[in-house]
């Protein structure tokens, strides 16, 4: 089976798998996977990364959310290996894909990651930085992962302020040129959300909204 056939089979297997969890993953569902997979191929092409490995990693990068709510990417390792094996991926390919996913994780990534990790990271980070994400998908994340607004704001700011200050929020030139304005605005929003939650009257408003 060639690489193209492997990715076709992998995509079909994953689409079926996600269909069983459609109501459980309003944020990290199949819509998110398709977005990240598509964008990761664009970024991989720009920087000369292995698009087969990048696309495969993008399709499987969030399988941890099918295993456990609000979990680290490593929680999906066993399921990822099972599905990739069914799609005829070799052990070496599976190991490479796992490495790409782990190094692209927002909580861990730094300067020294592979080209494939950079392509996946920029695609996944872009989904978070989209202007529509906090408006349309913010509540979906809260529902899916059973966290509070404050917990979500703390997660976003703790992870992304570090990346922004280190100039590794995005790695590729295209992402920096086209999307950095969105990223800065989005992160400012979440910093302001977290700051606002120190105000008692804001908390009262939030409590009122949550009761409705």
N, C-alpha and C. Protein backbone atom coordinates (compact mmCIF):
# COMPACT_ATOMS: atom_id res chain seq x y z
N UNK A 1 0.85 -1.19 0.00
CA UNK A 1 0.00 0.00 0.00
C UNK A 1 0.90 1.25 0.00
N UNK A 2 0.65 2.16 -0.96
CA UNK A 2 1.47 3.36 -1.01
C UNK A 2 0.97 4.42 -0.02
N UNK A 3 1.72 5.51 0.10
CA UNK A 3 1.39 6.53 1.11
C UNK A 3 0.01 7.15 0.89
N UNK A 4 -0.32 7.40 -0.37
CA UNK A 4 -1.63 7.98 -0.67
C UNK A 4 -2.76 7.05 -0.22
N UNK A 5 -2.61 5.77 -0.50
CA UNK A 5 -3.62 4.79 -0.10
C UNK A 5 -3.71 4.67 1.42
N UNK A 6 -2.57 4.77 2.08
CA UNK A 6 -2.57 4.71 3.55
C UNK A 6 -3.35 5.88 4.15
N UNK A 7 -3.11 7.08 3.63
CA UNK A 7 -3.81 8.25 4.19
C UNK A 7 -5.30 8.20 3.89
N UNK A 8 -5.68 7.68 2.73
CA UNK A 8 -7.10 7.53 2.42
C UNK A 8 -7.77 6.58 3.40
N UNK A 9 -7.13 5.45 3.65
CA UNK A 9 -7.68 4.48 4.59
C UNK A 9 -7.70 5.05 6.00
N UNK A 10 -6.62 5.71 6.39
CA UNK A 10 -6.55 6.31 7.72
C UNK A 10 -7.69 7.32 7.91
N UNK A 11 -7.90 8.16 6.92
CA UNK A 11 -8.96 9.17 7.01
C UNK A 11 -10.32 8.52 7.17
N UNK A 12 -10.55 7.44 6.42
CA UNK A 12 -11.84 6.73 6.52
C UNK A 12 -12.01 6.11 7.89
N UNK A 13 -10.98 5.48 8.41
CA UNK A 13 -11.06 4.86 9.74
C UNK A 13 -11.33 5.90 10.82
N UNK A 14 -10.67 7.04 10.71
CA UNK A 14 -10.84 8.09 11.71
C UNK A 14 -12.21 8.77 11.60
N UNK A 15 -12.67 8.96 10.39
CA UNK A 15 -14.00 9.56 10.21
C UNK A 15 -15.06 8.68 10.86
N UNK A 16 -14.93 7.37 10.70
CA UNK A 16 -15.86 6.43 11.34
C UNK A 16 -15.73 6.50 12.86
N UNK A 17 -14.50 6.58 13.34
CA UNK A 17 -14.26 6.63 14.79
C UNK A 17 -14.86 7.89 15.39
N UNK A 18 -14.64 9.02 14.74
CA UNK A 18 -15.16 10.28 15.25
C UNK A 18 -16.68 10.35 15.18
N UNK A 19 -17.26 9.63 14.23
CA UNK A 19 -18.73 9.61 14.11
C UNK A 19 -19.38 9.03 15.36
N UNK A 20 -18.66 8.14 16.05
CA UNK A 20 -19.18 7.55 17.29
C UNK A 20 -19.11 8.51 18.47
N UNK A 21 -18.38 9.62 18.30
CA UNK A 21 -18.18 10.57 19.40
C UNK A 21 -18.65 11.97 19.03
N UNK A 22 -19.53 12.05 18.04
CA UNK A 22 -19.91 13.34 17.48
C UNK A 22 -20.49 14.30 18.52
N UNK A 23 -21.22 13.78 19.48
CA UNK A 23 -21.83 14.64 20.50
C UNK A 23 -20.90 14.93 21.67
N UNK A 24 -19.79 14.23 21.74
CA UNK A 24 -18.85 14.39 22.85
C UNK A 24 -17.75 15.40 22.55
N UNK A 25 -17.56 15.73 21.28
CA UNK A 25 -16.41 16.55 20.88
C UNK A 25 -16.84 17.77 20.05
N UNK A 26 -17.57 18.69 20.67
CA UNK A 26 -17.98 19.89 19.92
C UNK A 26 -16.82 20.81 19.56
N UNK A 27 -15.70 20.69 20.27
CA UNK A 27 -14.51 21.51 19.96
C UNK A 27 -13.49 20.68 19.18
N UNK A 28 -13.07 19.55 19.70
CA UNK A 28 -12.01 18.74 19.09
C UNK A 28 -12.56 17.67 18.16
N UNK A 29 -13.70 17.91 17.55
CA UNK A 29 -14.31 16.92 16.67
C UNK A 29 -13.71 16.86 15.28
N UNK A 30 -14.41 16.17 14.39
CA UNK A 30 -13.90 15.94 13.03
C UNK A 30 -13.70 17.25 12.27
N UNK A 31 -14.52 18.27 12.55
CA UNK A 31 -14.36 19.58 11.89
C UNK A 31 -12.98 20.17 12.21
N UNK A 32 -12.55 20.01 13.46
CA UNK A 32 -11.24 20.51 13.88
C UNK A 32 -10.12 19.72 13.20
N UNK A 33 -10.28 18.41 13.14
CA UNK A 33 -9.26 17.56 12.54
C UNK A 33 -9.07 17.90 11.06
N UNK A 34 -10.17 18.07 10.33
CA UNK A 34 -10.08 18.39 8.91
C UNK A 34 -9.41 19.75 8.68
N UNK A 35 -9.72 20.72 9.53
CA UNK A 35 -9.09 22.04 9.41
C UNK A 35 -7.58 21.93 9.61
N UNK A 36 -7.17 21.28 10.68
CA UNK A 36 -5.74 21.16 11.00
C UNK A 36 -5.02 20.36 9.93
N UNK A 37 -5.64 19.30 9.44
CA UNK A 37 -5.01 18.47 8.41
C UNK A 37 -4.80 19.27 7.13
N UNK A 38 -5.80 20.05 6.73
CA UNK A 38 -5.69 20.85 5.51
C UNK A 38 -4.61 21.92 5.63
N UNK A 39 -4.63 22.66 6.73
CA UNK A 39 -3.65 23.73 6.92
C UNK A 39 -2.24 23.19 7.12
N UNK A 40 -2.13 22.04 7.76
CA UNK A 40 -0.79 21.48 8.00
C UNK A 40 -0.12 21.11 6.69
N UNK A 41 -0.89 20.67 5.71
CA UNK A 41 -0.33 20.34 4.39
C UNK A 41 0.20 21.61 3.71
N UNK A 42 -0.53 22.71 3.85
CA UNK A 42 -0.07 23.98 3.28
C UNK A 42 1.26 24.40 3.90
N UNK A 43 1.33 24.34 5.22
CA UNK A 43 2.55 24.76 5.90
C UNK A 43 3.70 23.80 5.61
N UNK A 44 3.40 22.51 5.50
CA UNK A 44 4.44 21.52 5.20
C UNK A 44 5.05 21.78 3.84
N UNK A 45 4.21 22.12 2.87
CA UNK A 45 4.69 22.41 1.53
C UNK A 45 5.62 23.62 1.53
N UNK A 46 5.28 24.63 2.32
CA UNK A 46 6.08 25.86 2.37
C UNK A 46 7.49 25.62 2.89
N UNK A 47 7.60 24.80 3.93
CA UNK A 47 8.90 24.64 4.60
C UNK A 47 9.63 23.35 4.22
N UNK A 48 9.05 22.57 3.31
CA UNK A 48 9.72 21.36 2.85
C UNK A 48 9.64 20.20 3.81
N UNK A 49 8.59 20.15 4.61
CA UNK A 49 8.39 19.03 5.54
C UNK A 49 7.78 17.85 4.79
N UNK A 50 7.87 16.68 5.38
CA UNK A 50 7.30 15.46 4.81
C UNK A 50 5.78 15.53 4.94
N UNK A 51 5.09 15.80 3.81
CA UNK A 51 3.65 16.04 3.90
C UNK A 51 2.87 14.79 4.26
N UNK A 52 3.38 13.61 3.94
CA UNK A 52 2.73 12.36 4.33
C UNK A 52 2.70 12.21 5.84
N UNK A 53 3.84 12.43 6.48
CA UNK A 53 3.91 12.31 7.94
C UNK A 53 3.13 13.43 8.62
N UNK A 54 3.22 14.64 8.08
CA UNK A 54 2.50 15.78 8.67
C UNK A 54 1.00 15.56 8.60
N UNK A 55 0.51 15.17 7.44
CA UNK A 55 -0.93 14.96 7.26
C UNK A 55 -1.42 13.83 8.17
N UNK A 56 -0.65 12.77 8.26
CA UNK A 56 -1.02 11.64 9.12
C UNK A 56 -1.04 12.05 10.59
N UNK A 57 -0.05 12.85 10.98
CA UNK A 57 -0.01 13.34 12.37
C UNK A 57 -1.19 14.26 12.65
N UNK A 58 -1.52 15.11 11.68
CA UNK A 58 -2.65 16.03 11.87
C UNK A 58 -3.96 15.27 12.04
N UNK A 59 -4.14 14.23 11.26
CA UNK A 59 -5.37 13.43 11.35
C UNK A 59 -5.51 12.71 12.69
N UNK A 60 -4.39 12.42 13.32
CA UNK A 60 -4.42 11.60 14.54
C UNK A 60 -4.01 12.36 15.81
N UNK A 61 -3.75 13.66 15.69
CA UNK A 61 -3.11 14.37 16.81
C UNK A 61 -3.99 14.53 18.04
N UNK A 62 -5.30 14.48 17.89
CA UNK A 62 -6.18 14.71 19.04
C UNK A 62 -6.95 13.47 19.48
N UNK A 63 -6.44 12.31 19.19
CA UNK A 63 -7.14 11.09 19.58
C UNK A 63 -7.23 10.94 21.10
N UNK A 64 -6.39 11.67 21.81
CA UNK A 64 -6.46 11.61 23.28
C UNK A 64 -7.82 12.04 23.80
N UNK A 65 -8.50 12.94 23.07
CA UNK A 65 -9.81 13.42 23.53
C UNK A 65 -10.90 12.36 23.37
N UNK A 66 -10.62 11.34 22.57
CA UNK A 66 -11.54 10.22 22.48
C UNK A 66 -11.32 9.24 23.64
N UNK A 67 -10.15 9.35 24.26
CA UNK A 67 -9.79 8.45 25.36
C UNK A 67 -10.17 9.05 26.71
N UNK A 68 -9.85 10.35 26.89
CA UNK A 68 -10.11 11.01 28.16
C UNK A 68 -10.30 12.51 27.95
N UNK A 69 -11.28 13.09 28.59
CA UNK A 69 -11.52 14.53 28.50
C UNK A 69 -10.32 15.32 29.00
N UNK A 70 -10.08 16.45 28.35
CA UNK A 70 -9.09 17.42 28.84
C UNK A 70 -7.74 16.77 29.14
N UNK A 71 -7.27 15.94 28.22
CA UNK A 71 -6.04 15.17 28.45
C UNK A 71 -4.91 15.61 27.52
N UNK A 72 -3.72 15.14 27.84
CA UNK A 72 -2.53 15.43 27.03
C UNK A 72 -2.51 14.51 25.81
N UNK A 73 -1.81 14.95 24.77
CA UNK A 73 -1.73 14.17 23.53
C UNK A 73 -1.24 12.75 23.75
N UNK A 74 -0.39 12.56 24.75
CA UNK A 74 0.16 11.22 25.02
C UNK A 74 -0.91 10.20 25.39
N UNK A 75 -2.05 10.66 25.89
CA UNK A 75 -3.14 9.77 26.25
C UNK A 75 -3.71 9.05 25.03
N UNK A 76 -3.46 9.59 23.85
CA UNK A 76 -3.97 8.96 22.64
C UNK A 76 -3.00 8.03 21.96
N UNK A 77 -1.84 7.81 22.56
CA UNK A 77 -0.77 7.04 21.91
C UNK A 77 -1.19 5.62 21.54
N UNK A 78 -1.84 4.93 22.45
CA UNK A 78 -2.21 3.53 22.20
C UNK A 78 -3.26 3.45 21.10
N UNK A 79 -4.30 4.27 21.22
CA UNK A 79 -5.35 4.28 20.19
C UNK A 79 -4.77 4.71 18.85
N UNK A 80 -3.87 5.68 18.87
CA UNK A 80 -3.24 6.15 17.64
C UNK A 80 -2.48 5.00 16.95
N UNK A 81 -1.74 4.25 17.72
CA UNK A 81 -0.97 3.13 17.16
C UNK A 81 -1.90 2.08 16.58
N UNK A 82 -3.00 1.80 17.26
CA UNK A 82 -3.97 0.80 16.78
C UNK A 82 -4.55 1.20 15.43
N UNK A 83 -4.97 2.46 15.32
CA UNK A 83 -5.61 2.92 14.09
C UNK A 83 -4.61 3.03 12.95
N UNK A 84 -3.43 3.55 13.24
CA UNK A 84 -2.39 3.65 12.21
C UNK A 84 -1.98 2.27 11.71
N UNK A 85 -1.92 1.31 12.61
CA UNK A 85 -1.57 -0.07 12.22
C UNK A 85 -2.64 -0.65 11.30
N UNK A 86 -3.89 -0.37 11.58
CA UNK A 86 -4.98 -0.84 10.72
C UNK A 86 -4.89 -0.23 9.33
N UNK A 87 -4.30 0.96 9.24
CA UNK A 87 -4.13 1.63 7.95
C UNK A 87 -2.82 1.25 7.28
N UNK A 88 -2.15 0.23 7.79
CA UNK A 88 -0.94 -0.34 7.19
C UNK A 88 0.29 0.55 7.34
N UNK A 89 0.31 1.41 8.35
CA UNK A 89 1.51 2.19 8.63
C UNK A 89 2.56 1.29 9.29
N UNK A 90 3.81 1.50 8.94
CA UNK A 90 4.89 0.73 9.54
C UNK A 90 5.17 1.23 10.96
N UNK A 91 5.87 0.42 11.71
CA UNK A 91 6.22 0.81 13.08
C UNK A 91 7.07 2.07 13.07
N UNK A 92 7.99 2.18 12.12
CA UNK A 92 8.83 3.37 12.03
C UNK A 92 7.99 4.60 11.73
N UNK A 93 7.03 4.49 10.83
CA UNK A 93 6.15 5.61 10.51
C UNK A 93 5.32 6.03 11.72
N UNK A 94 4.83 5.04 12.45
CA UNK A 94 4.03 5.32 13.64
C UNK A 94 4.86 6.05 14.69
N UNK A 95 6.10 5.62 14.87
CA UNK A 95 6.99 6.26 15.83
C UNK A 95 7.28 7.71 15.42
N UNK A 96 7.48 7.94 14.13
CA UNK A 96 7.73 9.30 13.64
C UNK A 96 6.51 10.19 13.86
N UNK A 97 5.34 9.66 13.59
CA UNK A 97 4.10 10.41 13.77
C UNK A 97 3.89 10.76 15.22
N UNK A 98 4.15 9.82 16.09
CA UNK A 98 4.01 10.07 17.54
C UNK A 98 4.95 11.17 17.99
N UNK A 99 6.17 11.14 17.50
CA UNK A 99 7.16 12.17 17.85
C UNK A 99 6.70 13.54 17.38
N UNK A 100 6.19 13.63 16.18
CA UNK A 100 5.70 14.90 15.63
C UNK A 100 4.59 15.46 16.50
N UNK A 101 3.66 14.61 16.88
CA UNK A 101 2.52 15.04 17.69
C UNK A 101 2.97 15.54 19.06
N UNK A 102 3.86 14.82 19.67
CA UNK A 102 4.32 15.19 21.02
C UNK A 102 5.10 16.51 20.98
N UNK A 103 5.97 16.69 20.00
CA UNK A 103 6.80 17.90 19.96
C UNK A 103 6.00 19.12 19.54
N UNK A 104 4.86 18.91 18.88
CA UNK A 104 4.03 20.03 18.44
C UNK A 104 3.04 20.47 19.51
N UNK A 105 2.98 19.75 20.62
CA UNK A 105 2.04 20.07 21.69
C UNK A 105 2.28 21.48 22.23
N UNK A 106 1.21 22.25 22.40
CA UNK A 106 1.32 23.63 22.87
C UNK A 106 2.01 23.72 24.22
N UNK A 107 1.82 22.73 25.05
CA UNK A 107 2.36 22.77 26.41
C UNK A 107 3.87 22.53 26.45
N UNK A 108 4.43 21.97 25.39
CA UNK A 108 5.82 21.54 25.45
C UNK A 108 6.74 22.15 24.40
N UNK A 109 6.21 22.59 23.28
CA UNK A 109 7.06 22.90 22.15
C UNK A 109 7.99 24.09 22.39
N UNK A 110 9.12 24.02 21.70
CA UNK A 110 10.12 25.06 21.83
C UNK A 110 10.74 25.38 20.49
N UNK A 111 11.97 25.85 20.48
CA UNK A 111 12.62 26.25 19.24
C UNK A 111 13.06 25.04 18.42
N UNK A 112 13.54 24.02 19.09
CA UNK A 112 14.19 22.91 18.41
C UNK A 112 13.21 21.76 18.14
N UNK A 113 12.32 21.95 17.19
CA UNK A 113 11.43 20.87 16.78
C UNK A 113 11.58 20.67 15.28
N UNK A 114 11.12 19.53 14.79
CA UNK A 114 11.29 19.18 13.38
C UNK A 114 10.43 20.06 12.47
N UNK A 115 10.72 20.03 11.19
CA UNK A 115 9.89 20.75 10.22
C UNK A 115 8.46 20.23 10.26
N UNK A 116 8.32 18.93 10.44
CA UNK A 116 6.99 18.34 10.50
C UNK A 116 6.23 18.82 11.74
N UNK A 117 6.95 18.92 12.86
CA UNK A 117 6.34 19.44 14.07
C UNK A 117 5.92 20.89 13.92
N UNK A 118 6.71 21.66 13.20
CA UNK A 118 6.38 23.07 12.98
C UNK A 118 5.12 23.22 12.12
N UNK A 119 5.01 22.40 11.09
CA UNK A 119 3.84 22.47 10.21
C UNK A 119 2.56 22.10 10.97
N UNK A 120 2.63 21.02 11.76
CA UNK A 120 1.46 20.61 12.54
C UNK A 120 1.14 21.66 13.60
N UNK A 121 2.17 22.15 14.28
CA UNK A 121 1.96 23.14 15.34
C UNK A 121 1.27 24.39 14.81
N UNK A 122 1.72 24.90 13.67
CA UNK A 122 1.13 26.13 13.13
C UNK A 122 -0.34 25.91 12.75
N UNK A 123 -0.66 24.75 12.21
CA UNK A 123 -2.04 24.47 11.82
C UNK A 123 -2.95 24.36 13.03
N UNK A 124 -2.49 23.67 14.06
CA UNK A 124 -3.29 23.49 15.27
C UNK A 124 -3.42 24.81 16.03
N UNK A 125 -2.33 25.56 16.09
CA UNK A 125 -2.35 26.85 16.77
C UNK A 125 -3.25 27.84 16.04
N UNK A 126 -3.25 27.77 14.72
CA UNK A 126 -4.10 28.67 13.94
C UNK A 126 -5.57 28.49 14.28
N UNK A 127 -6.00 27.24 14.48
CA UNK A 127 -7.39 27.01 14.86
C UNK A 127 -7.73 27.75 16.15
N UNK A 128 -6.81 27.74 17.09
CA UNK A 128 -7.02 28.44 18.36
C UNK A 128 -7.06 29.96 18.16
N UNK A 129 -6.28 30.45 17.18
CA UNK A 129 -6.13 31.89 16.98
C UNK A 129 -7.17 32.50 16.03
N UNK A 130 -7.97 31.67 15.41
CA UNK A 130 -8.99 32.21 14.50
C UNK A 130 -9.91 33.19 15.22
N UNK A 131 -10.29 34.28 14.57
CA UNK A 131 -11.19 35.24 15.21
C UNK A 131 -12.52 34.63 15.65
N UNK A 132 -12.96 33.59 14.95
CA UNK A 132 -14.25 32.97 15.30
C UNK A 132 -14.16 32.00 16.47
N UNK A 133 -12.95 31.53 16.78
CA UNK A 133 -12.83 30.46 17.77
C UNK A 133 -13.36 30.85 19.15
N UNK A 134 -12.94 31.97 19.75
CA UNK A 134 -13.48 32.28 21.09
C UNK A 134 -14.98 32.56 21.08
N UNK A 135 -15.50 33.02 19.94
CA UNK A 135 -16.92 33.35 19.85
C UNK A 135 -17.77 32.10 19.63
N UNK A 136 -17.36 31.27 18.67
CA UNK A 136 -18.16 30.12 18.27
C UNK A 136 -17.79 28.86 19.05
N UNK A 137 -16.50 28.67 19.29
CA UNK A 137 -16.05 27.40 19.86
C UNK A 137 -15.60 27.48 21.31
N UNK A 138 -15.50 28.68 21.88
CA UNK A 138 -15.07 28.80 23.28
C UNK A 138 -15.98 28.03 24.22
N UNK A 139 -17.28 28.25 24.08
CA UNK A 139 -18.24 27.54 24.93
C UNK A 139 -18.21 26.05 24.66
N UNK A 140 -17.97 25.68 23.40
CA UNK A 140 -17.90 24.25 23.06
C UNK A 140 -16.74 23.58 23.79
N UNK A 141 -15.62 24.29 23.91
CA UNK A 141 -14.48 23.74 24.64
C UNK A 141 -14.83 23.54 26.11
N UNK A 142 -15.49 24.52 26.69
CA UNK A 142 -15.88 24.45 28.10
C UNK A 142 -16.80 23.26 28.35
N UNK A 143 -17.76 23.08 27.47
CA UNK A 143 -18.70 21.97 27.60
C UNK A 143 -17.99 20.63 27.42
N UNK A 144 -17.18 20.55 26.36
CA UNK A 144 -16.51 19.28 26.05
C UNK A 144 -15.60 18.82 27.17
N UNK A 145 -14.82 19.75 27.73
CA UNK A 145 -13.79 19.38 28.69
C UNK A 145 -14.19 19.61 30.15
N UNK A 146 -15.42 20.09 30.34
CA UNK A 146 -15.96 20.27 31.69
C UNK A 146 -15.05 21.16 32.54
N UNK A 147 -14.71 22.33 31.96
CA UNK A 147 -13.90 23.30 32.68
C UNK A 147 -14.69 24.60 32.78
N UNK A 148 -14.24 25.47 33.65
CA UNK A 148 -14.87 26.79 33.79
C UNK A 148 -14.24 27.76 32.80
N UNK A 149 -14.87 28.92 32.63
CA UNK A 149 -14.30 29.96 31.78
C UNK A 149 -12.94 30.39 32.32
N UNK A 150 -12.81 30.49 33.64
CA UNK A 150 -11.53 30.89 34.21
C UNK A 150 -10.46 29.84 33.93
N UNK A 151 -10.82 28.59 34.04
CA UNK A 151 -9.84 27.52 33.77
C UNK A 151 -9.40 27.55 32.31
N UNK A 152 -10.34 27.82 31.40
CA UNK A 152 -9.97 27.93 29.99
C UNK A 152 -9.07 29.13 29.76
N UNK A 153 -9.42 30.27 30.34
CA UNK A 153 -8.61 31.48 30.18
C UNK A 153 -7.20 31.27 30.74
N UNK A 154 -7.11 30.60 31.88
CA UNK A 154 -5.79 30.31 32.47
C UNK A 154 -4.98 29.39 31.57
N UNK A 155 -5.63 28.41 30.98
CA UNK A 155 -4.93 27.48 30.09
C UNK A 155 -4.38 28.22 28.87
N UNK A 156 -5.24 29.03 28.24
CA UNK A 156 -4.83 29.76 27.04
C UNK A 156 -3.68 30.71 27.35
N UNK A 157 -3.82 31.50 28.40
CA UNK A 157 -2.79 32.50 28.71
C UNK A 157 -1.50 31.86 29.20
N UNK A 158 -1.60 30.83 30.01
CA UNK A 158 -0.39 30.15 30.51
C UNK A 158 0.42 29.54 29.37
N UNK A 159 -0.26 28.94 28.42
CA UNK A 159 0.42 28.28 27.32
C UNK A 159 0.88 29.26 26.24
N UNK A 160 -0.01 30.18 25.86
CA UNK A 160 0.25 30.98 24.67
C UNK A 160 1.05 32.26 24.92
N UNK A 161 0.97 32.83 26.10
CA UNK A 161 1.82 34.00 26.39
C UNK A 161 3.29 33.63 26.29
N UNK A 162 3.64 32.46 26.77
CA UNK A 162 5.03 31.99 26.70
C UNK A 162 5.49 31.88 25.25
N UNK A 163 4.63 31.32 24.42
CA UNK A 163 4.97 31.14 23.02
C UNK A 163 5.12 32.47 22.30
N UNK A 164 4.21 33.39 22.61
CA UNK A 164 4.26 34.70 21.97
C UNK A 164 5.53 35.45 22.37
N UNK A 165 5.87 35.42 23.66
CA UNK A 165 7.06 36.12 24.14
C UNK A 165 8.35 35.51 23.58
N UNK A 166 8.31 34.21 23.32
CA UNK A 166 9.49 33.51 22.79
C UNK A 166 9.57 33.56 21.27
N UNK A 167 8.59 34.21 20.64
CA UNK A 167 8.54 34.33 19.17
C UNK A 167 8.42 32.99 18.47
N UNK A 168 7.74 32.04 19.13
CA UNK A 168 7.47 30.75 18.50
C UNK A 168 5.98 30.43 18.53
N UNK A 169 5.18 31.49 18.53
CA UNK A 169 3.74 31.26 18.46
C UNK A 169 3.43 30.57 17.13
N UNK A 170 4.00 31.11 16.04
CA UNK A 170 4.00 30.46 14.74
C UNK A 170 5.44 30.26 14.30
N UNK A 171 5.66 29.24 13.48
CA UNK A 171 6.99 28.95 12.96
C UNK A 171 7.15 29.34 11.49
N UNK A 172 6.12 29.11 10.68
CA UNK A 172 6.25 29.34 9.25
C UNK A 172 6.03 30.81 8.90
N UNK A 173 6.65 31.24 7.82
CA UNK A 173 6.52 32.63 7.38
C UNK A 173 5.08 32.95 7.00
N UNK A 174 4.42 32.00 6.35
CA UNK A 174 3.03 32.24 5.94
C UNK A 174 2.13 32.48 7.14
N UNK A 175 2.26 31.64 8.15
CA UNK A 175 1.43 31.80 9.35
C UNK A 175 1.71 33.13 10.03
N UNK A 176 2.97 33.50 10.12
CA UNK A 176 3.34 34.77 10.75
C UNK A 176 2.79 35.95 9.96
N UNK A 177 2.90 35.88 8.65
CA UNK A 177 2.48 37.00 7.81
C UNK A 177 0.96 37.14 7.76
N UNK A 178 0.27 36.03 7.61
CA UNK A 178 -1.17 36.08 7.38
C UNK A 178 -2.01 36.09 8.66
N UNK A 179 -1.47 35.47 9.73
CA UNK A 179 -2.34 35.21 10.87
C UNK A 179 -1.87 35.78 12.20
N UNK A 180 -0.69 36.40 12.24
CA UNK A 180 -0.19 36.88 13.53
C UNK A 180 -1.09 37.96 14.12
N UNK A 181 -1.67 38.81 13.27
CA UNK A 181 -2.58 39.84 13.77
C UNK A 181 -3.75 39.20 14.52
N UNK A 182 -4.29 38.13 13.95
CA UNK A 182 -5.37 37.40 14.62
C UNK A 182 -4.90 36.84 15.94
N UNK A 183 -3.71 36.26 15.94
CA UNK A 183 -3.18 35.62 17.14
C UNK A 183 -3.00 36.63 18.27
N UNK A 184 -2.44 37.79 17.95
CA UNK A 184 -2.21 38.83 18.96
C UNK A 184 -3.54 39.31 19.54
N UNK A 185 -4.51 39.55 18.67
CA UNK A 185 -5.82 40.01 19.11
C UNK A 185 -6.50 38.95 19.97
N UNK A 186 -6.41 37.71 19.55
CA UNK A 186 -7.03 36.60 20.29
C UNK A 186 -6.42 36.45 21.67
N UNK A 187 -5.10 36.52 21.74
CA UNK A 187 -4.43 36.36 23.03
C UNK A 187 -4.71 37.55 23.95
N UNK A 188 -4.77 38.76 23.38
CA UNK A 188 -5.16 39.93 24.17
C UNK A 188 -6.55 39.74 24.77
N UNK A 189 -7.44 39.19 23.97
CA UNK A 189 -8.80 38.93 24.46
C UNK A 189 -8.77 38.01 25.68
N UNK A 190 -8.03 36.91 25.58
CA UNK A 190 -8.01 35.95 26.69
C UNK A 190 -7.29 36.52 27.92
N UNK A 191 -6.27 37.32 27.70
CA UNK A 191 -5.62 37.99 28.84
C UNK A 191 -6.61 38.92 29.54
N UNK A 192 -7.43 39.62 28.74
CA UNK A 192 -8.43 40.52 29.32
C UNK A 192 -9.56 39.76 30.00
N UNK A 193 -9.94 38.63 29.42
CA UNK A 193 -10.96 37.79 30.07
C UNK A 193 -10.48 37.37 31.45
N UNK A 194 -9.24 36.88 31.53
CA UNK A 194 -8.72 36.44 32.82
C UNK A 194 -8.65 37.59 33.81
N UNK A 195 -8.20 38.74 33.35
CA UNK A 195 -8.12 39.92 34.22
C UNK A 195 -9.51 40.33 34.72
N UNK A 196 -10.50 40.26 33.85
CA UNK A 196 -11.86 40.68 34.21
C UNK A 196 -12.47 39.80 35.29
N UNK A 197 -11.99 38.57 35.39
CA UNK A 197 -12.56 37.64 36.36
C UNK A 197 -12.11 37.92 37.79
N UNK A 198 -11.31 38.97 37.97
CA UNK A 198 -10.97 39.46 39.31
C UNK A 198 -12.00 40.48 39.81
N UNK A 199 -12.90 40.87 38.93
CA UNK A 199 -13.91 41.88 39.26
C UNK A 199 -15.17 41.18 39.76
N UNK A 200 -15.60 41.52 40.95
CA UNK A 200 -16.75 40.84 41.57
C UNK A 200 -18.02 40.98 40.74
N UNK A 201 -18.23 42.16 40.15
CA UNK A 201 -19.45 42.36 39.36
C UNK A 201 -19.41 41.55 38.07
N UNK A 202 -18.25 41.37 37.52
CA UNK A 202 -18.12 40.51 36.35
C UNK A 202 -18.46 39.07 36.72
N UNK A 203 -17.99 38.64 37.87
CA UNK A 203 -18.31 37.29 38.35
C UNK A 203 -19.81 37.14 38.53
N UNK A 204 -20.46 38.16 39.05
CA UNK A 204 -21.92 38.10 39.22
C UNK A 204 -22.62 37.95 37.87
N UNK A 205 -22.14 38.70 36.87
CA UNK A 205 -22.71 38.57 35.54
C UNK A 205 -22.50 37.17 34.97
N UNK A 206 -21.32 36.65 35.18
CA UNK A 206 -21.00 35.33 34.68
C UNK A 206 -21.87 34.28 35.35
N UNK A 207 -22.05 34.39 36.65
CA UNK A 207 -22.91 33.45 37.38
C UNK A 207 -24.35 33.52 36.85
N UNK A 208 -24.81 34.72 36.56
CA UNK A 208 -26.16 34.89 36.02
C UNK A 208 -26.28 34.20 34.66
N UNK A 209 -25.26 34.40 33.80
CA UNK A 209 -25.29 33.79 32.47
C UNK A 209 -25.27 32.27 32.55
N UNK A 210 -24.51 31.73 33.48
CA UNK A 210 -24.40 30.29 33.60
C UNK A 210 -25.66 29.63 34.14
N UNK A 211 -26.48 30.42 34.85
CA UNK A 211 -27.74 29.87 35.38
C UNK A 211 -28.83 29.79 34.32
N UNK A 212 -28.66 30.53 33.23
CA UNK A 212 -29.70 30.59 32.20
C UNK A 212 -29.64 29.37 31.28
